[in-house]
Amino acid sequence: APVNLTALSAQYPHIPYLELRDRTLPEVDLWSAVGEDSLEGVYF
């Protein structure tokens, strides 16, 4: 789910040179490809 980087950074005042980066993606159904007529569908 969306990550609040500002709130997270505020929890670490003892580390002034802290950089948090959010490269997450919205949560997905891992099995959404199942049933597709594709190599990806067959694999999952």
ModelCIF file with pLDDT and N, C-alpha, C, O atoms, coordinates in Angstrom:
data_MODEL
#
_entry.id   MODEL 
#
_entity.id                         1 
_entity.type                       polymer 
_entity.pdbx_number_of_molecules   1 
#
_entity_poly.entity_id                      1 
_entity_poly.type                           'polypeptide(L)' 
_entity_poly.nstd_linkage                   no 
_entity_poly.nstd_monomer                   no 
_entity_poly.pdbx_seq_one_letter_code       APVNLTALSAQYPHIPYLELRDRTLPEVDLWSAVGEDSLEGVYF 
_entity_poly.pdbx_seq_one_letter_code_can   APVNLTALSAQYPHIPYLELRDRTLPEVDLWSAVGEDSLEGVYF 
_entity_poly.pdbx_strand_id                 A 
#
loop_
_entity_poly_seq.entity_id 
_entity_poly_seq.num 
_entity_poly_seq.mon_id 
_entity_poly_seq.hetero 
1 1  ALA n 
1 2  PRO n 
1 3  VAL n 
1 4  ASN n 
1 5  LEU n 
1 6  THR n 
1 7  ALA n 
1 8  LEU n 
1 9  SER n 
1 10 ALA n 
1 11 GLN n 
1 12 TYR n 
1 13 PRO n 
1 14 HIS n 
1 15 ILE n 
1 16 PRO n 
1 17 TYR n 
1 18 LEU n 
1 19 GLU n 
1 20 LEU n 
1 21 ARG n 
1 22 ASP n 
1 23 ARG n 
1 24 THR n 
1 25 LEU n 
1 26 PRO n 
1 27 GLU n 
1 28 VAL n 
1 29 ASP n 
1 30 LEU n 
1 31 TRP n 
1 32 SER n 
1 33 ALA n 
1 34 VAL n 
1 35 GLY n 
1 36 GLU n 
1 37 ASP n 
1 38 SER n 
1 39 LEU n 
1 40 GLU n 
1 41 GLY n 
1 42 VAL n 
1 43 TYR n 
1 44 PHE n 
#
_struct_asym.id          A 
_struct_asym.entity_id   1 
#
loop_
_ma_qa_metric.id 
_ma_qa_metric.mode 
_ma_qa_metric.name 
_ma_qa_metric.software_group_id 
_ma_qa_metric.type 
1 global pLDDT . pLDDT 
2 local  pLDDT . pLDDT 
#
_ma_qa_metric_global.metric_id      1 
_ma_qa_metric_global.metric_value   90.77 
_ma_qa_metric_global.model_id       1 
_ma_qa_metric_global.ordinal_id     1 
#
loop_
_ma_qa_metric_local.label_asym_id 
_ma_qa_metric_local.label_comp_id 
_ma_qa_metric_local.label_seq_id 
_ma_qa_metric_local.metric_id 
_ma_qa_metric_local.metric_value 
_ma_qa_metric_local.model_id 
_ma_qa_metric_local.ordinal_id 
A ALA 1  2 85.00 1 1  
A PRO 2  2 87.00 1 2  
A VAL 3  2 92.00 1 3  
A ASN 4  2 94.00 1 4  
A LEU 5  2 95.00 1 5  
A THR 6  2 95.00 1 6  
A ALA 7  2 94.00 1 7  
A LEU 8  2 94.00 1 8  
A SER 9  2 95.00 1 9  
A ALA 10 2 95.00 1 10 
A GLN 11 2 95.00 1 11 
A TYR 12 2 96.00 1 12 
A PRO 13 2 95.00 1 13 
A HIS 14 2 96.00 1 14 
A ILE 15 2 96.00 1 15 
A PRO 16 2 95.00 1 16 
A TYR 17 2 96.00 1 17 
A LEU 18 2 96.00 1 18 
A GLU 19 2 96.00 1 19 
A LEU 20 2 96.00 1 20 
A ARG 21 2 95.00 1 21 
A ASP 22 2 94.00 1 22 
A ARG 23 2 89.00 1 23 
A THR 24 2 89.00 1 24 
A LEU 25 2 82.00 1 25 
A PRO 26 2 82.00 1 26 
A GLU 27 2 77.00 1 27 
A VAL 28 2 77.00 1 28 
A ASP 29 2 80.00 1 29 
A LEU 30 2 81.00 1 30 
A TRP 31 2 86.00 1 31 
A SER 32 2 87.00 1 32 
A ALA 33 2 89.00 1 33 
A VAL 34 2 90.00 1 34 
A GLY 35 2 89.00 1 35 
A GLU 36 2 91.00 1 36 
A ASP 37 2 91.00 1 37 
A SER 38 2 93.00 1 38 
A LEU 39 2 92.00 1 39 
A GLU 40 2 91.00 1 40 
A GLY 41 2 91.00 1 41 
A VAL 42 2 92.00 1 42 
A TYR 43 2 93.00 1 43 
A PHE 44 2 90.00 1 44 
#
loop_
_atom_site.group_PDB 
_atom_site.id 
_atom_site.type_symbol 
_atom_site.label_atom_id 
_atom_site.label_alt_id 
_atom_site.label_comp_id 
_atom_site.label_asym_id 
_atom_site.label_entity_id 
_atom_site.label_seq_id 
_atom_site.pdbx_PDB_ins_code 
_atom_site.Cartn_x 
_atom_site.Cartn_y 
_atom_site.Cartn_z 
_atom_site.occupancy 
_atom_site.B_iso_or_equiv 
_atom_site.pdbx_formal_charge 
_atom_site.auth_seq_id 
_atom_site.auth_comp_id 
_atom_site.auth_asym_id 
_atom_site.auth_atom_id 
_atom_site.pdbx_PDB_model_num 
ATOM 1   N N  . ALA A 1 1  ? 0.865  -1.176  0.000   1.00 85.00 ? 1  ALA A N  1 
ATOM 2   C CA . ALA A 1 1  ? 0.000  0.000   0.000   1.00 85.00 ? 1  ALA A CA 1 
ATOM 3   C C  . ALA A 1 1  ? 0.904  1.230   0.000   1.00 85.00 ? 1  ALA A C  1 
ATOM 4   O O  . ALA A 1 1  ? 2.092  1.097   0.294   1.00 85.00 ? 1  ALA A O  1 
ATOM 5   N N  . PRO A 1 2  ? 0.395  2.416   -0.316  1.00 87.00 ? 2  PRO A N  1 
ATOM 6   C CA . PRO A 1 2  ? 1.234  3.625   -0.350  1.00 87.00 ? 2  PRO A CA 1 
ATOM 7   C C  . PRO A 1 2  ? 2.061  3.784   0.937   1.00 87.00 ? 2  PRO A C  1 
ATOM 8   O O  . PRO A 1 2  ? 1.549  3.604   2.042   1.00 87.00 ? 2  PRO A O  1 
ATOM 9   N N  . VAL A 1 3  ? 3.333  4.120   0.773   1.00 92.00 ? 3  VAL A N  1 
ATOM 10  C CA . VAL A 1 3  ? 4.262  4.254   1.900   1.00 92.00 ? 3  VAL A CA 1 
ATOM 11  C C  . VAL A 1 3  ? 4.454  5.738   2.212   1.00 92.00 ? 3  VAL A C  1 
ATOM 12  O O  . VAL A 1 3  ? 4.748  6.527   1.314   1.00 92.00 ? 3  VAL A O  1 
ATOM 13  N N  . ASN A 1 4  ? 4.292  6.115   3.460   1.00 94.00 ? 4  ASN A N  1 
ATOM 14  C CA . ASN A 1 4  ? 4.479  7.502   3.887   1.00 94.00 ? 4  ASN A CA 1 
ATOM 15  C C  . ASN A 1 4  ? 5.944  7.688   4.291   1.00 94.00 ? 4  ASN A C  1 
ATOM 16  O O  . ASN A 1 4  ? 6.317  7.445   5.439   1.00 94.00 ? 4  ASN A O  1 
ATOM 17  N N  . LEU A 1 5  ? 6.751  8.116   3.352   1.00 95.00 ? 5  LEU A N  1 
ATOM 18  C CA . LEU A 1 5  ? 8.185  8.235   3.606   1.00 95.00 ? 5  LEU A CA 1 
ATOM 19  C C  . LEU A 1 5  ? 8.495  9.330   4.624   1.00 95.00 ? 5  LEU A C  1 
ATOM 20  O O  . LEU A 1 5  ? 9.421  9.179   5.421   1.00 95.00 ? 5  LEU A O  1 
ATOM 21  N N  . THR A 1 6  ? 7.750  10.410  4.614   1.00 95.00 ? 6  THR A N  1 
ATOM 22  C CA . THR A 1 6  ? 7.989  11.505  5.557   1.00 95.00 ? 6  THR A CA 1 
ATOM 23  C C  . THR A 1 6  ? 7.784  11.042  6.985   1.00 95.00 ? 6  THR A C  1 
ATOM 24  O O  . THR A 1 6  ? 8.605  11.325  7.858   1.00 95.00 ? 6  THR A O  1 
ATOM 25  N N  . ALA A 1 7  ? 6.699  10.335  7.226   1.00 94.00 ? 7  ALA A N  1 
ATOM 26  C CA . ALA A 1 7  ? 6.428  9.822   8.573   1.00 94.00 ? 7  ALA A CA 1 
ATOM 27  C C  . ALA A 1 7  ? 7.463  8.801   8.991   1.00 94.00 ? 7  ALA A C  1 
ATOM 28  O O  . ALA A 1 7  ? 7.876  8.774   10.150  1.00 94.00 ? 7  ALA A O  1 
ATOM 29  N N  . LEU A 1 8  ? 7.887  7.962   8.062   1.00 94.00 ? 8  LEU A N  1 
ATOM 30  C CA . LEU A 1 8  ? 8.897  6.952   8.386   1.00 94.00 ? 8  LEU A CA 1 
ATOM 31  C C  . LEU A 1 8  ? 10.228 7.613   8.736   1.00 94.00 ? 8  LEU A C  1 
ATOM 32  O O  . LEU A 1 8  ? 10.870 7.236   9.717   1.00 94.00 ? 8  LEU A O  1 
ATOM 33  N N  . SER A 1 9  ? 10.643 8.593   7.941   1.00 95.00 ? 9  SER A N  1 
ATOM 34  C CA . SER A 1 9  ? 11.920 9.268   8.198   1.00 95.00 ? 9  SER A CA 1 
ATOM 35  C C  . SER A 1 9  ? 11.930 9.945   9.559   1.00 95.00 ? 9  SER A C  1 
ATOM 36  O O  . SER A 1 9  ? 12.966 9.996   10.224  1.00 95.00 ? 9  SER A O  1 
ATOM 37  N N  . ALA A 1 10 ? 10.780 10.466  9.977   1.00 95.00 ? 10 ALA A N  1 
ATOM 38  C CA . ALA A 1 10 ? 10.689 11.164  11.259  1.00 95.00 ? 10 ALA A CA 1 
ATOM 39  C C  . ALA A 1 10 ? 10.928 10.234  12.440  1.00 95.00 ? 10 ALA A C  1 
ATOM 40  O O  . ALA A 1 10 ? 11.189 10.700  13.549  1.00 95.00 ? 10 ALA A O  1 
ATOM 41  N N  . GLN A 1 11 ? 10.843 8.937   12.220  1.00 95.00 ? 11 GLN A N  1 
ATOM 42  C CA . GLN A 1 11 ? 11.065 7.982   13.293  1.00 95.00 ? 11 GLN A CA 1 
ATOM 43  C C  . GLN A 1 11 ? 12.560 7.776   13.585  1.00 95.00 ? 11 GLN A C  1 
ATOM 44  O O  . GLN A 1 11 ? 12.920 7.078   14.534  1.00 95.00 ? 11 GLN A O  1 
ATOM 45  N N  . TYR A 1 12 ? 13.426 8.386   12.765  1.00 96.00 ? 12 TYR A N  1 
ATOM 46  C CA . TYR A 1 12 ? 14.872 8.151   12.911  1.00 96.00 ? 12 TYR A CA 1 
ATOM 47  C C  . TYR A 1 12 ? 15.635 9.476   13.022  1.00 96.00 ? 12 TYR A C  1 
ATOM 48  O O  . TYR A 1 12 ? 16.493 9.757   12.185  1.00 96.00 ? 12 TYR A O  1 
ATOM 49  N N  . PRO A 1 13 ? 15.341 10.290  14.031  1.00 95.00 ? 13 PRO A N  1 
ATOM 50  C CA . PRO A 1 13 ? 16.046 11.579  14.171  1.00 95.00 ? 13 PRO A CA 1 
ATOM 51  C C  . PRO A 1 13 ? 17.530 11.402  14.484  1.00 95.00 ? 13 PRO A C  1 
ATOM 52  O O  . PRO A 1 13 ? 18.320 12.329  14.305  1.00 95.00 ? 13 PRO A O  1 
ATOM 53  N N  . HIS A 1 14 ? 17.913 10.204  14.955  1.00 96.00 ? 14 HIS A N  1 
ATOM 54  C CA . HIS A 1 14 ? 19.321 9.952   15.289  1.00 96.00 ? 14 HIS A CA 1 
ATOM 55  C C  . HIS A 1 14 ? 20.159 9.635   14.043  1.00 96.00 ? 14 HIS A C  1 
ATOM 56  O O  . HIS A 1 14 ? 21.369 9.427   14.141  1.00 96.00 ? 14 HIS A O  1 
ATOM 57  N N  . ILE A 1 15 ? 19.505 9.600   12.860  1.00 96.00 ? 15 ILE A N  1 
ATOM 58  C CA . ILE A 1 15 ? 20.225 9.360   11.606  1.00 96.00 ? 15 ILE A CA 1 
ATOM 59  C C  . ILE A 1 15 ? 19.905 10.520  10.662  1.00 96.00 ? 15 ILE A C  1 
ATOM 60  O O  . ILE A 1 15 ? 19.007 10.411  9.828   1.00 96.00 ? 15 ILE A O  1 
ATOM 61  N N  . PRO A 1 16 ? 20.632 11.623  10.791  1.00 95.00 ? 16 PRO A N  1 
ATOM 62  C CA . PRO A 1 16 ? 20.279 12.827  10.019  1.00 95.00 ? 16 PRO A CA 1 
ATOM 63  C C  . PRO A 1 16 ? 20.445 12.665  8.513   1.00 95.00 ? 16 PRO A C  1 
ATOM 64  O O  . PRO A 1 16 ? 19.793 13.361  7.735   1.00 95.00 ? 16 PRO A O  1 
ATOM 65  N N  . TYR A 1 17 ? 21.327 11.737  8.097   1.00 96.00 ? 17 TYR A N  1 
ATOM 66  C CA . TYR A 1 17 ? 21.570 11.568  6.668   1.00 96.00 ? 17 TYR A CA 1 
ATOM 67  C C  . TYR A 1 17 ? 20.946 10.257  6.210   1.00 96.00 ? 17 TYR A C  1 
ATOM 68  O O  . TYR A 1 17 ? 21.634 9.322   5.801   1.00 96.00 ? 17 TYR A O  1 
ATOM 69  N N  . LEU A 1 18 ? 19.618 10.221  6.293   1.00 96.00 ? 18 LEU A N  1 
ATOM 70  C CA . LEU A 1 18 ? 18.841 9.053   5.893   1.00 96.00 ? 18 LEU A CA 1 
ATOM 71  C C  . LEU A 1 18 ? 17.979 9.419   4.698   1.00 96.00 ? 18 LEU A C  1 
ATOM 72  O O  . LEU A 1 18 ? 17.270 10.426  4.707   1.00 96.00 ? 18 LEU A O  1 
ATOM 73  N N  . GLU A 1 19 ? 18.053 8.583   3.667   1.00 96.00 ? 19 GLU A N  1 
ATOM 74  C CA . GLU A 1 19 ? 17.231 8.783   2.475   1.00 96.00 ? 19 GLU A CA 1 
ATOM 75  C C  . GLU A 1 19 ? 16.425 7.512   2.235   1.00 96.00 ? 19 GLU A C  1 
ATOM 76  O O  . GLU A 1 19 ? 16.990 6.437   2.037   1.00 96.00 ? 19 GLU A O  1 
ATOM 77  N N  . LEU A 1 20 ? 15.109 7.644   2.253   1.00 96.00 ? 20 LEU A N  1 
ATOM 78  C CA . LEU A 1 20 ? 14.219 6.523   1.963   1.00 96.00 ? 20 LEU A CA 1 
ATOM 79  C C  . LEU A 1 20 ? 13.617 6.720   0.580   1.00 96.00 ? 20 LEU A C  1 
ATOM 80  O O  . LEU A 1 20 ? 13.175 7.815   0.232   1.00 96.00 ? 20 LEU A O  1 
ATOM 81  N N  . ARG A 1 21 ? 13.605 5.652   -0.200  1.00 95.00 ? 21 ARG A N  1 
ATOM 82  C CA . ARG A 1 21 ? 13.042 5.720   -1.550  1.00 95.00 ? 21 ARG A CA 1 
ATOM 83  C C  . ARG A 1 21 ? 11.986 4.628   -1.712  1.00 95.00 ? 21 ARG A C  1 
ATOM 84  O O  . ARG A 1 21 ? 12.205 3.475   -1.340  1.00 95.00 ? 21 ARG A O  1 
ATOM 85  N N  . ASP A 1 22 ? 10.871 5.001   -2.258  1.00 94.00 ? 22 ASP A N  1 
ATOM 86  C CA . ASP A 1 22 ? 9.770  4.054   -2.452  1.00 94.00 ? 22 ASP A CA 1 
ATOM 87  C C  . ASP A 1 22 ? 9.740  3.605   -3.917  1.00 94.00 ? 22 ASP A C  1 
ATOM 88  O O  . ASP A 1 22 ? 9.387  4.371   -4.813  1.00 94.00 ? 22 ASP A O  1 
ATOM 89  N N  . ARG A 1 23 ? 10.115 2.361   -4.130  1.00 89.00 ? 23 ARG A N  1 
ATOM 90  C CA . ARG A 1 23 ? 10.049 1.768   -5.466  1.00 89.00 ? 23 ARG A CA 1 
ATOM 91  C C  . ARG A 1 23 ? 9.058  0.602   -5.476  1.00 89.00 ? 23 ARG A C  1 
ATOM 92  O O  . ARG A 1 23 ? 9.135  -0.287  -6.325  1.00 89.00 ? 23 ARG A O  1 
ATOM 93  N N  . THR A 1 24 ? 8.135  0.620   -4.526  1.00 89.00 ? 24 THR A N  1 
ATOM 94  C CA . THR A 1 24 ? 7.135  -0.442  -4.457  1.00 89.00 ? 24 THR A CA 1 
ATOM 95  C C  . THR A 1 24 ? 6.054  -0.214  -5.523  1.00 89.00 ? 24 THR A C  1 
ATOM 96  O O  . THR A 1 24 ? 5.913  0.879   -6.071  1.00 89.00 ? 24 THR A O  1 
ATOM 97  N N  . LEU A 1 25 ? 5.320  -1.253  -5.785  1.00 82.00 ? 25 LEU A N  1 
ATOM 98  C CA . LEU A 1 25 ? 4.177  -1.191  -6.697  1.00 82.00 ? 25 LEU A CA 1 
ATOM 99  C C  . LEU A 1 25 ? 2.913  -1.528  -5.928  1.00 82.00 ? 25 LEU A C  1 
ATOM 100 O O  . LEU A 1 25 ? 2.978  -2.192  -4.893  1.00 82.00 ? 25 LEU A O  1 
ATOM 101 N N  . PRO A 1 26 ? 1.764  -1.081  -6.419  1.00 82.00 ? 26 PRO A N  1 
ATOM 102 C CA . PRO A 1 26 ? 0.514  -1.436  -5.734  1.00 82.00 ? 26 PRO A CA 1 
ATOM 103 C C  . PRO A 1 26 ? 0.364  -2.949  -5.637  1.00 82.00 ? 26 PRO A C  1 
ATOM 104 O O  . PRO A 1 26 ? 0.763  -3.692  -6.534  1.00 82.00 ? 26 PRO A O  1 
ATOM 105 N N  . GLU A 1 27 ? -0.213 -3.378  -4.538  1.00 77.00 ? 27 GLU A N  1 
ATOM 106 C CA . GLU A 1 27 ? -0.381 -4.807  -4.327  1.00 77.00 ? 27 GLU A CA 1 
ATOM 107 C C  . GLU A 1 27 ? -1.176 -5.421  -5.470  1.00 77.00 ? 27 GLU A C  1 
ATOM 108 O O  . GLU A 1 27 ? -2.147 -4.843  -5.956  1.00 77.00 ? 27 GLU A O  1 
ATOM 109 N N  . VAL A 1 28 ? -0.742 -6.605  -5.887  1.00 77.00 ? 28 VAL A N  1 
ATOM 110 C CA . VAL A 1 28 ? -1.379 -7.284  -7.023  1.00 77.00 ? 28 VAL A CA 1 
ATOM 111 C C  . VAL A 1 28 ? -1.705 -8.718  -6.647  1.00 77.00 ? 28 VAL A C  1 
ATOM 112 O O  . VAL A 1 28 ? -1.178 -9.271  -5.682  1.00 77.00 ? 28 VAL A O  1 
ATOM 113 N N  . ASP A 1 29 ? -2.584 -9.295  -7.434  1.00 80.00 ? 29 ASP A N  1 
ATOM 114 C CA . ASP A 1 29 ? -2.891 -10.711 -7.314  1.00 80.00 ? 29 ASP A CA 1 
ATOM 115 C C  . ASP A 1 29 ? -1.810 -11.484 -8.064  1.00 80.00 ? 29 ASP A C  1 
ATOM 116 O O  . ASP A 1 29 ? -1.707 -11.385 -9.287  1.00 80.00 ? 29 ASP A O  1 
ATOM 117 N N  . LEU A 1 30 ? -0.999 -12.257 -7.326  1.00 81.00 ? 30 LEU A N  1 
ATOM 118 C CA . LEU A 1 30 ? 0.099  -12.977 -7.963  1.00 81.00 ? 30 LEU A CA 1 
ATOM 119 C C  . LEU A 1 30 ? -0.384 -13.919 -9.054  1.00 81.00 ? 30 LEU A C  1 
ATOM 120 O O  . LEU A 1 30 ? 0.358  -14.252 -9.977  1.00 81.00 ? 30 LEU A O  1 
ATOM 121 N N  . TRP A 1 31 ? -1.604 -14.332 -8.939  1.00 86.00 ? 31 TRP A N  1 
ATOM 122 C CA . TRP A 1 31 ? -2.109 -15.365 -9.857  1.00 86.00 ? 31 TRP A CA 1 
ATOM 123 C C  . TRP A 1 31 ? -3.022 -14.781 -10.937 1.00 86.00 ? 31 TRP A C  1 
ATOM 124 O O  . TRP A 1 31 ? -3.789 -15.512 -11.565 1.00 86.00 ? 31 TRP A O  1 
ATOM 125 N N  . SER A 1 32 ? -2.941 -13.481 -11.150 1.00 87.00 ? 32 SER A N  1 
ATOM 126 C CA . SER A 1 32 ? -3.844 -12.838 -12.113 1.00 87.00 ? 32 SER A CA 1 
ATOM 127 C C  . SER A 1 32 ? -3.627 -13.334 -13.537 1.00 87.00 ? 32 SER A C  1 
ATOM 128 O O  . SER A 1 32 ? -4.544 -13.258 -14.355 1.00 87.00 ? 32 SER A O  1 
ATOM 129 N N  . ALA A 1 33 ? -2.448 -13.834 -13.849 1.00 89.00 ? 33 ALA A N  1 
ATOM 130 C CA . ALA A 1 33 ? -2.165 -14.298 -15.216 1.00 89.00 ? 33 ALA A CA 1 
ATOM 131 C C  . ALA A 1 33 ? -2.684 -15.696 -15.484 1.00 89.00 ? 33 ALA A C  1 
ATOM 132 O O  . ALA A 1 33 ? -2.758 -16.130 -16.634 1.00 89.00 ? 33 ALA A O  1 
ATOM 133 N N  . VAL A 1 34 ? -3.050 -16.410 -14.406 1.00 90.00 ? 34 VAL A N  1 
ATOM 134 C CA . VAL A 1 34 ? -3.533 -17.787 -14.573 1.00 90.00 ? 34 VAL A CA 1 
ATOM 135 C C  . VAL A 1 34 ? -4.789 -17.774 -15.449 1.00 90.00 ? 34 VAL A C  1 
ATOM 136 O O  . VAL A 1 34 ? -5.718 -17.000 -15.221 1.00 90.00 ? 34 VAL A O  1 
ATOM 137 N N  . GLY A 1 35 ? -4.791 -18.641 -16.443 1.00 89.00 ? 35 GLY A N  1 
ATOM 138 C CA . GLY A 1 35 ? -5.927 -18.704 -17.366 1.00 89.00 ? 35 GLY A CA 1 
ATOM 139 C C  . GLY A 1 35 ? -5.668 -17.983 -18.665 1.00 89.00 ? 35 GLY A C  1 
ATOM 140 O O  . GLY A 1 35 ? -6.395 -18.177 -19.639 1.00 89.00 ? 35 GLY A O  1 
ATOM 141 N N  . GLU A 1 36 ? -4.621 -17.137 -18.696 1.00 91.00 ? 36 GLU A N  1 
ATOM 142 C CA . GLU A 1 36 ? -4.289 -16.450 -19.945 1.00 91.00 ? 36 GLU A CA 1 
ATOM 143 C C  . GLU A 1 36 ? -3.675 -17.440 -20.935 1.00 91.00 ? 36 GLU A C  1 
ATOM 144 O O  . GLU A 1 36 ? -2.979 -18.377 -20.544 1.00 91.00 ? 36 GLU A O  1 
ATOM 145 N N  . ASP A 1 37 ? -3.940 -17.221 -22.198 1.00 91.00 ? 37 ASP A N  1 
ATOM 146 C CA . ASP A 1 37 ? -3.357 -18.057 -23.248 1.00 91.00 ? 37 ASP A CA 1 
ATOM 147 C C  . ASP A 1 37 ? -1.995 -17.477 -23.634 1.00 91.00 ? 37 ASP A C  1 
ATOM 148 O O  . ASP A 1 37 ? -1.809 -16.928 -24.720 1.00 91.00 ? 37 ASP A O  1 
ATOM 149 N N  . SER A 1 38 ? -1.044 -17.623 -22.693 1.00 93.00 ? 38 SER A N  1 
ATOM 150 C CA . SER A 1 38 ? 0.300  -17.060 -22.886 1.00 93.00 ? 38 SER A CA 1 
ATOM 151 C C  . SER A 1 38 ? 1.299  -17.874 -22.089 1.00 93.00 ? 38 SER A C  1 
ATOM 152 O O  . SER A 1 38 ? 0.927  -18.650 -21.208 1.00 93.00 ? 38 SER A O  1 
ATOM 153 N N  . LEU A 1 39 ? 2.571  -17.689 -22.409 1.00 92.00 ? 39 LEU A N  1 
ATOM 154 C CA . LEU A 1 39 ? 3.625  -18.366 -21.654 1.00 92.00 ? 39 LEU A CA 1 
ATOM 155 C C  . LEU A 1 39 ? 3.570  -17.963 -20.188 1.00 92.00 ? 39 LEU A C  1 
ATOM 156 O O  . LEU A 1 39 ? 3.773  -18.792 -19.301 1.00 92.00 ? 39 LEU A O  1 
ATOM 157 N N  . GLU A 1 40 ? 3.290  -16.668 -19.934 1.00 91.00 ? 40 GLU A N  1 
ATOM 158 C CA . GLU A 1 40 ? 3.174  -16.189 -18.557 1.00 91.00 ? 40 GLU A CA 1 
ATOM 159 C C  . GLU A 1 40 ? 2.033  -16.902 -17.841 1.00 91.00 ? 40 GLU A C  1 
ATOM 160 O O  . GLU A 1 40 ? 2.179  -17.307 -16.688 1.00 91.00 ? 40 GLU A O  1 
ATOM 161 N N  . GLY A 1 41 ? 0.902  -17.054 -18.520 1.00 91.00 ? 41 GLY A N  1 
ATOM 162 C CA . GLY A 1 41 ? -0.234 -17.727 -17.908 1.00 91.00 ? 41 GLY A CA 1 
ATOM 163 C C  . GLY A 1 41 ? 0.067  -19.168 -17.582 1.00 91.00 ? 41 GLY A C  1 
ATOM 164 O O  . GLY A 1 41 ? -0.283 -19.652 -16.506 1.00 91.00 ? 41 GLY A O  1 
ATOM 165 N N  . VAL A 1 42 ? 0.721  -19.868 -18.511 1.00 92.00 ? 42 VAL A N  1 
ATOM 166 C CA . VAL A 1 42 ? 1.081  -21.274 -18.275 1.00 92.00 ? 42 VAL A CA 1 
ATOM 167 C C  . VAL A 1 42 ? 2.040  -21.396 -17.100 1.00 92.00 ? 42 VAL A C  1 
ATOM 168 O O  . VAL A 1 42 ? 1.901  -22.285 -16.260 1.00 92.00 ? 42 VAL A O  1 
ATOM 169 N N  . TYR A 1 43 ? 3.017  -20.491 -17.049 1.00 93.00 ? 43 TYR A N  1 
ATOM 170 C CA . TYR A 1 43 ? 4.026  -20.541 -15.980 1.00 93.00 ? 43 TYR A CA 1 
ATOM 171 C C  . TYR A 1 43 ? 3.390  -20.381 -14.603 1.00 93.00 ? 43 TYR A C  1 
ATOM 172 O O  . TYR A 1 43 ? 3.659  -21.166 -13.694 1.00 93.00 ? 43 TYR A O  1 
ATOM 173 N N  . PHE A 1 44 ? 2.541  -19.357 -14.452 1.00 90.00 ? 44 PHE A N  1 
ATOM 174 C CA . PHE A 1 44 ? 1.929  -19.126 -13.141 1.00 90.00 ? 44 PHE A CA 1 
ATOM 175 C C  . PHE A 1 44 ? 0.914  -20.219 -12.800 1.00 90.00 ? 44 PHE A C  1 
ATOM 176 O O  . PHE A 1 44 ? 0.303  -20.183 -11.732 1.00 90.00 ? 44 PHE A O  1 
#
